Protein backbone atom coordinates (compact mmCIF):
# COMPACT_ATOMS: atom_id res chain seq x y z
CA UNK A 1 -4.24 -23.38 -36.52
CA UNK A 2 -0.99 -24.17 -34.74
CA UNK A 3 -0.39 -24.71 -31.06
CA UNK A 4 1.41 -22.04 -29.06
CA UNK A 5 5.01 -22.84 -28.26
CA UNK A 6 5.39 -22.17 -24.53
CA UNK A 7 8.97 -22.30 -23.31
CA UNK A 8 9.78 -24.30 -20.22
CA UNK A 9 10.48 -21.63 -17.65
CA UNK A 10 11.56 -22.70 -14.21
CA UNK A 11 12.32 -19.50 -12.31
CA UNK A 12 14.63 -19.62 -9.37
CA UNK A 13 13.44 -17.24 -6.69
CA UNK A 14 15.50 -16.84 -3.58
CA UNK A 15 14.09 -14.93 -0.63
CA UNK A 16 15.97 -14.76 2.62
CA UNK A 17 14.36 -14.49 6.04
CA UNK A 18 15.39 -10.84 6.15
CA UNK A 19 13.77 -10.27 2.73
CA UNK A 20 10.55 -11.90 3.95
CA UNK A 21 10.46 -9.71 7.06
CA UNK A 22 11.10 -6.60 4.99
CA UNK A 23 8.31 -7.54 2.55
CA UNK A 24 5.89 -8.10 5.43
CA UNK A 25 6.76 -4.71 6.94
CA UNK A 26 6.35 -3.04 3.55
CA UNK A 27 2.95 -4.70 3.13
CA UNK A 28 1.82 -3.22 6.47
CA UNK A 29 3.10 0.21 5.46
CA UNK A 30 1.29 0.06 2.11
CA UNK A 31 -1.98 -0.92 3.80
CA UNK A 32 -1.57 1.94 6.27
CA UNK A 33 -1.10 4.37 3.38
CA UNK A 34 -4.28 3.07 1.77
CA UNK A 35 -6.22 3.47 5.00
CA UNK A 36 -4.93 7.02 5.43
CA UNK A 37 -6.28 7.89 1.98
CA UNK A 38 -9.68 6.49 2.92
CA UNK A 39 -9.71 8.47 6.18
CA UNK A 40 -8.77 11.63 4.28
CA UNK A 41 -11.58 11.02 1.75
CA UNK A 42 -14.09 10.57 4.56
CA UNK A 43 -12.94 13.86 6.11
CA UNK A 44 -13.32 15.64 2.78
CA UNK A 45 -16.78 14.10 2.40
CA UNK A 46 -17.83 15.66 5.70
CA UNK A 47 -16.24 18.98 4.78
CA UNK A 48 -18.12 18.99 1.47
CA UNK A 49 -21.46 18.20 3.08
CA UNK A 50 -20.91 20.85 5.76
CA UNK A 51 -19.79 23.40 3.18
CA UNK A 52 -16.36 23.85 4.76
CA UNK A 53 -14.25 22.31 1.97
CA UNK A 54 -12.00 25.12 0.72
CA UNK A 55 -12.97 26.38 -2.73
CA UNK A 56 -16.15 24.28 -2.99
CA UNK A 57 -19.70 25.27 -2.17
CA UNK A 58 -21.42 22.43 -0.37
CA UNK A 59 -24.92 21.23 -1.20
CA UNK A 60 -28.07 22.32 0.59
CA UNK A 61 -28.95 19.28 2.65
CA UNK A 62 -31.40 18.41 5.36
CA UNK A 63 -30.50 17.34 8.87
CA UNK A 64 -31.61 13.83 7.91
CA UNK A 65 -29.19 13.79 4.98
CA UNK A 66 -26.40 15.06 7.23
CA UNK A 67 -27.12 12.31 9.76
CA UNK A 68 -27.03 9.70 6.97
CA UNK A 69 -23.65 10.96 5.77
CA UNK A 70 -22.39 10.98 9.35
CA UNK A 71 -23.58 7.39 9.80
CA UNK A 72 -21.79 6.36 6.63
CA UNK A 73 -18.54 7.98 7.80
CA UNK A 74 -18.86 6.32 11.21
CA UNK A 75 -19.31 2.89 9.62
CA UNK A 76 -16.30 3.41 7.37
CA UNK A 77 -14.16 4.48 10.32
CA UNK A 78 -15.37 1.48 12.32
CA UNK A 79 -14.20 -0.83 9.52
CA UNK A 80 -10.87 1.00 9.34
CA UNK A 81 -10.43 0.48 13.09
CA UNK A 82 -10.95 -3.25 12.58
CA UNK A 83 -8.34 -3.28 9.83
CA UNK A 84 -5.94 -1.36 12.07
CA UNK A 85 -6.37 -4.00 14.74
CA UNK A 86 -5.48 -6.71 12.22
CA UNK A 87 -2.42 -4.76 11.04
CA UNK A 88 -1.32 -4.27 14.65
CA UNK A 89 -1.59 -8.03 15.19
CA UNK A 90 0.41 -8.67 12.02
CA UNK A 91 3.12 -6.26 13.18
CA UNK A 92 3.27 -7.87 16.62
CA UNK A 93 3.73 -11.28 14.99
CA UNK A 94 6.61 -9.96 12.90
CA UNK A 95 8.22 -8.39 15.96
CA UNK A 96 7.86 -11.71 17.78
CA UNK A 97 9.65 -13.53 14.96
CA UNK A 98 12.42 -10.94 14.92
CA UNK A 99 12.79 -11.21 18.70
CA UNK A 100 12.89 -15.02 18.66
CA UNK A 101 15.62 -15.12 16.07
CA UNK A 102 17.48 -11.99 17.08
CA UNK A 103 20.59 -13.90 18.06
CA UNK A 104 20.44 -16.16 15.02
CA UNK A 105 21.63 -14.96 11.63
CA UNK A 106 18.81 -14.41 9.14
CA UNK A 107 19.42 -16.26 5.90
C-alpha cells in the first residue's frame, strides 16, 4: 500500500478589520435568525397542544400535560433570553470597537 501524496498547501488568507467586523455582525444576525426559528417552533408547539394551530387538530390532553408543555416552553424561552443577553453584549463590544477606531482607517 502506498502513502498518500499530500501537496504542501500554504493558503494566504487576508481579512481586514472591516471584514472582521462585518463577519462578527453577520454571526450575530445568523444566531438571531436561529433563535427566531426556535421561538416560532415553541409558539407552534403551544398552538398544537391548545388545538389552535390552523389545519391541525390538537391532541386531547390533561391540565397536567398542558402545564408540563407550558413549563417546557418557559424553560426554552428563558434560555433564549440568556442567549439574547450574550448577543447584546457581543454587539455592544463590536460597537465599542467601531467607535474607538472611527477616526482611524480600517485596514
